C-alpha atoms as a PDB file:
ATOM      1  CA  UNK A   1       0.153  -0.230  -0.406  1.00  0.00           C
ATOM      2  CA  UNK A   2       1.764   3.244  -1.141  1.00  0.00           C
ATOM      3  CA  UNK A   3       1.153   6.022   1.699  1.00  0.00           C
ATOM      4  CA  UNK A   4      -0.906   7.843  -0.015  1.00  0.00           C
ATOM      5  CA  UNK A   5      -3.898   5.028  -0.031  1.00  0.00           C
ATOM      6  CA  UNK A   6      -2.340   4.111   3.633  1.00  0.00           C
ATOM      7  CA  UNK A   7      -3.119   8.412   4.323  1.00  0.00           C
ATOM      8  CA  UNK A   8      -6.680   8.024   2.909  1.00  0.00           C
ATOM      9  CA  UNK A   9      -7.389   5.531   5.379  1.00  0.00           C
ATOM     10  CA  UNK A  10      -8.096   7.489   8.121  1.00  0.00           C
ATOM     11  CA  UNK A  11     -10.216   9.441   9.826  1.00  0.00           C
ATOM     12  CA  UNK A  12      -9.357  13.623   8.339  1.00  0.00           C
ATOM     13  CA  UNK A  13      -6.360  12.660   6.506  1.00  0.00           C
ATOM     14  CA  UNK A  14      -8.069  14.171   3.649  1.00  0.00           C
ATOM     15  CA  UNK A  15      -8.217  17.291   5.316  1.00  0.00           C
ATOM     16  CA  UNK A  16      -4.069  17.435   5.961  1.00  0.00           C
ATOM     17  CA  UNK A  17      -4.649  17.366   9.452  1.00  0.00           C
ATOM     18  CA  UNK A  18      -4.662  14.367  10.996  1.00  0.00           C
ATOM     19  CA  UNK A  19      -5.166  13.330  15.748  1.00  0.00           C
ATOM     20  CA  UNK A  20      -2.184  12.137  17.278  1.00  0.00           C
ATOM     21  CA  UNK A  21      -4.870  10.135  19.107  1.00  0.00           C
ATOM     22  CA  UNK A  22      -5.611   8.588  15.560  1.00  0.00           C
ATOM     23  CA  UNK A  23      -2.507   7.837  14.778  1.00  0.00           C
ATOM     24  CA  UNK A  24      -1.793   5.675  17.290  1.00  0.00           C
ATOM     25  CA  UNK A  25      -5.477   4.194  16.620  1.00  0.00           C
ATOM     26  CA  UNK A  26      -4.713   3.083  12.932  1.00  0.00           C
ATOM     27  CA  UNK A  27      -1.089   1.592  13.392  1.00  0.00           C
ATOM     28  CA  UNK A  28      -2.837  -0.691  16.505  1.00  0.00           C
ATOM     29  CA  UNK A  29       0.877  -0.083  16.979  1.00  0.00           C
ATOM     30  CA  UNK A  30       1.874  -1.833  21.006  1.00  0.00           C
ATOM     31  CA  UNK A  31       2.871   1.557  22.100  1.00  0.00           C
ATOM     32  CA  UNK A  32       2.104   3.063  25.513  1.00  0.00           C
ATOM     33  CA  UNK A  33       1.826   6.406  25.678  1.00  0.00           C
ATOM     34  CA  UNK A  34       3.386   7.284  29.190  1.00  0.00           C
ATOM     35  CA  UNK A  35       1.235  10.888  29.708  1.00  0.00           C
ATOM     36  CA  UNK A  36      -1.287  11.529  28.023  1.00  0.00           C
ATOM     37  CA  UNK A  37      -3.563  14.798  27.313  1.00  0.00           C
ATOM     38  CA  UNK A  38      -6.495  15.992  25.832  1.00  0.00           C
ATOM     39  CA  UNK A  39      -3.473  18.577  24.775  1.00  0.00           C
ATOM     40  CA  UNK A  40      -1.105  16.534  23.208  1.00  0.00           C
ATOM     41  CA  UNK A  41      -4.566  13.757  21.635  1.00  0.00           C
ATOM     42  CA  UNK A  42      -5.782  16.287  19.723  1.00  0.00           C
ATOM     43  CA  UNK A  43      -2.038  17.683  18.301  1.00  0.00           C
ATOM     44  CA  UNK A  44      -2.349  17.504  14.505  1.00  0.00           C
ATOM     45  CA  UNK A  45       0.526  15.417  12.604  1.00  0.00           C
ATOM     46  CA  UNK A  46       1.379  15.807   9.150  1.00  0.00           C
ATOM     47  CA  UNK A  47       3.860  13.278   8.906  1.00  0.00           C
ATOM     48  CA  UNK A  48       6.956  11.437  10.584  1.00  0.00           C
ATOM     49  CA  UNK A  49      10.479  11.393  10.757  1.00  0.00           C
ATOM     50  CA  UNK A  50      13.286   9.153  11.111  1.00  0.00           C
ATOM     51  CA  UNK A  51      15.654  10.673  13.910  1.00  0.00           C
ATOM     52  CA  UNK A  52      19.498  10.009  14.488  1.00  0.00           C
ATOM     53  CA  UNK A  53      21.293  11.969  16.492  1.00  0.00           C
ATOM     54  CA  UNK A  54      24.174  12.229  14.091  1.00  0.00           C
ATOM     55  CA  UNK A  55      22.083  13.047  11.472  1.00  0.00           C
ATOM     56  CA  UNK A  56      21.077  17.237  10.987  1.00  0.00           C
ATOM     57  CA  UNK A  57      18.763  18.545  12.520  1.00  0.00           C
ATOM     58  CA  UNK A  58      15.419  19.547  10.061  1.00  0.00           C
ATOM     59  CA  UNK A  59      11.670  20.794  10.778  1.00  0.00           C
ATOM     60  CA  UNK A  60      10.006  18.699  13.193  1.00  0.00           C
ATOM     61  CA  UNK A  61       7.158  20.675  13.204  1.00  0.00           C
ATOM     62  CA  UNK A  62       3.413  18.360  13.649  1.00  0.00           C
ATOM     63  CA  UNK A  63       5.527  14.871  12.898  1.00  0.00           C
ATOM     64  CA  UNK A  64       5.660  12.039  14.402  1.00  0.00           C
ATOM     65  CA  UNK A  65       9.692  11.456  15.468  1.00  0.00           C
ATOM     66  CA  UNK A  66      11.237   7.552  15.912  1.00  0.00           C
ATOM     67  CA  UNK A  67      14.422   8.344  17.296  1.00  0.00           C
ATOM     68  CA  UNK A  68      16.678   5.840  16.912  1.00  0.00           C
ATOM     69  CA  UNK A  69      19.655   4.861  18.708  1.00  0.00           C
ATOM     70  CA  UNK A  70      18.546   6.953  21.598  1.00  0.00           C
ATOM     71  CA  UNK A  71      19.008   5.616  25.379  1.00  0.00           C
ATOM     72  CA  UNK A  72      16.536   6.900  28.036  1.00  0.00           C
ATOM     73  CA  UNK A  73      18.739   9.626  29.870  1.00  0.00           C
ATOM     74  CA  UNK A  74      20.940  10.124  27.925  1.00  0.00           C
ATOM     75  CA  UNK A  75      22.773  13.380  26.399  1.00  0.00           C
ATOM     76  CA  UNK A  76      20.788  12.972  23.315  1.00  0.00           C
ATOM     77  CA  UNK A  77      17.913  11.633  24.480  1.00  0.00           C
ATOM     78  CA  UNK A  78      17.185  14.828  26.937  1.00  0.00           C
ATOM     79  CA  UNK A  79      18.113  17.018  23.729  1.00  0.00           C
ATOM     80  CA  UNK A  80      16.194  15.012  21.198  1.00  0.00           C
ATOM     81  CA  UNK A  81      12.976  16.180  23.828  1.00  0.00           C
ATOM     82  CA  UNK A  82      14.157  19.409  24.513  1.00  0.00           C
ATOM     83  CA  UNK A  83      14.231  20.519  20.265  1.00  0.00           C
ATOM     84  CA  UNK A  84      10.897  18.051  19.531  1.00  0.00           C
ATOM     85  CA  UNK A  85       8.904  20.461  22.529  1.00  0.00           C
ATOM     86  CA  UNK A  86      10.138  23.977  20.669  1.00  0.00           C
ATOM     87  CA  UNK A  87       9.956  22.973  17.676  1.00  0.00           C
ATOM     88  CA  UNK A  88       5.920  21.722  17.670  1.00  0.00           C
ATOM     89  CA  UNK A  89       6.529  18.013  17.619  1.00  0.00           C
ATOM     90  CA  UNK A  90       3.283  15.678  17.806  1.00  0.00           C
ATOM     91  CA  UNK A  91       5.618  13.176  19.909  1.00  0.00           C
ATOM     92  CA  UNK A  92       8.364  11.411  20.030  1.00  0.00           C
ATOM     93  CA  UNK A  93       8.791   7.534  20.507  1.00  0.00           C
ATOM     94  CA  UNK A  94      11.741   5.372  22.127  1.00  0.00           C
ATOM     95  CA  UNK A  95      12.042   2.261  22.790  1.00  0.00           C
ATOM     96  CA  UNK A  96      12.707   3.050  26.457  1.00  0.00           C
ATOM     97  CA  UNK A  97      15.022  -0.018  27.781  1.00  0.00           C
ATOM     98  CA  UNK A  98      15.479   0.096  31.418  1.00  0.00           C
ATOM     99  CA  UNK A  99      13.635   3.206  32.041  1.00  0.00           C
ATOM    100  CA  UNK A 100      10.802   3.516  33.981  1.00  0.00           C
ATOM    101  CA  UNK A 101       6.947   4.516  33.385  1.00  0.00           C
ATOM    102  CA  UNK A 102       7.359   7.342  35.991  1.00  0.00           C
ATOM    103  CA  UNK A 103      10.419   9.046  34.724  1.00  0.00           C
ATOM    104  CA  UNK A 104       9.138   8.819  31.243  1.00  0.00           C
ATOM    105  CA  UNK A 105       6.115  10.328  32.414  1.00  0.00           C
ATOM    106  CA  UNK A 106       7.813  12.630  33.750  1.00  0.00           C
ATOM    107  CA  UNK A 107      10.165  13.608  31.686  1.00  0.00           C
ATOM    108  CA  UNK A 108       7.508  14.657  28.585  1.00  0.00           C
ATOM    109  CA  UNK A 109       5.499  16.416  31.073  1.00  0.00           C
ATOM    110  CA  UNK A 110       7.923  18.566  32.173  1.00  0.00           C
ATOM    111  CA  UNK A 111       8.995  18.954  28.298  1.00  0.00           C
ATOM    112  CA  UNK A 112       4.693  19.604  27.487  1.00  0.00           C
ATOM    113  CA  UNK A 113       5.789  16.608  24.401  1.00  0.00           C
ATOM    114  CA  UNK A 114       4.515  13.629  23.646  1.00  0.00           C
ATOM    115  CA  UNK A 115       5.944  10.543  24.498  1.00  0.00           C
ATOM    116  CA  UNK A 116       4.537   6.550  23.030  1.00  0.00           C
ATOM    117  CA  UNK A 117       7.340   3.569  24.142  1.00  0.00           C
ATOM    118  CA  UNK A 118       7.612   0.922  21.682  1.00  0.00           C
ATOM    119  CA  UNK A 119       8.086  -2.400  22.298  1.00  0.00           C
ATOM    120  CA  UNK A 120      11.567  -4.326  22.595  1.00  0.00           C
ATOM    121  CA  UNK A 121      10.569  -5.712  19.594  1.00  0.00           C
ATOM    122  CA  UNK A 122       9.312  -3.220  17.090  1.00  0.00           C
END
């Protein structure tokens, strides 16, 4: 299925404005949303971006960021959340090896950013 066909199945996609909650529901992924709030669930999503700390920073406005090679509590993790929040990202998806949900919730709330945790086998 191409990206346009995939996107057309998400409610609101025809207007180019999809909510984070719709993306999570449509993906039917085993993602854990560590800090769901009405505000971040309603955040509009324009795209998904795979982020590697070795790459140059790019525009993340309204994007879901898939964090690759980043460990909870590392300088790269802290910098990513800070940059993502300041750039109006829709959410950051990470694998949270070794992190407790309360720790993730705290850092997500401090940055006022939706953080989703992917399962280890994703």
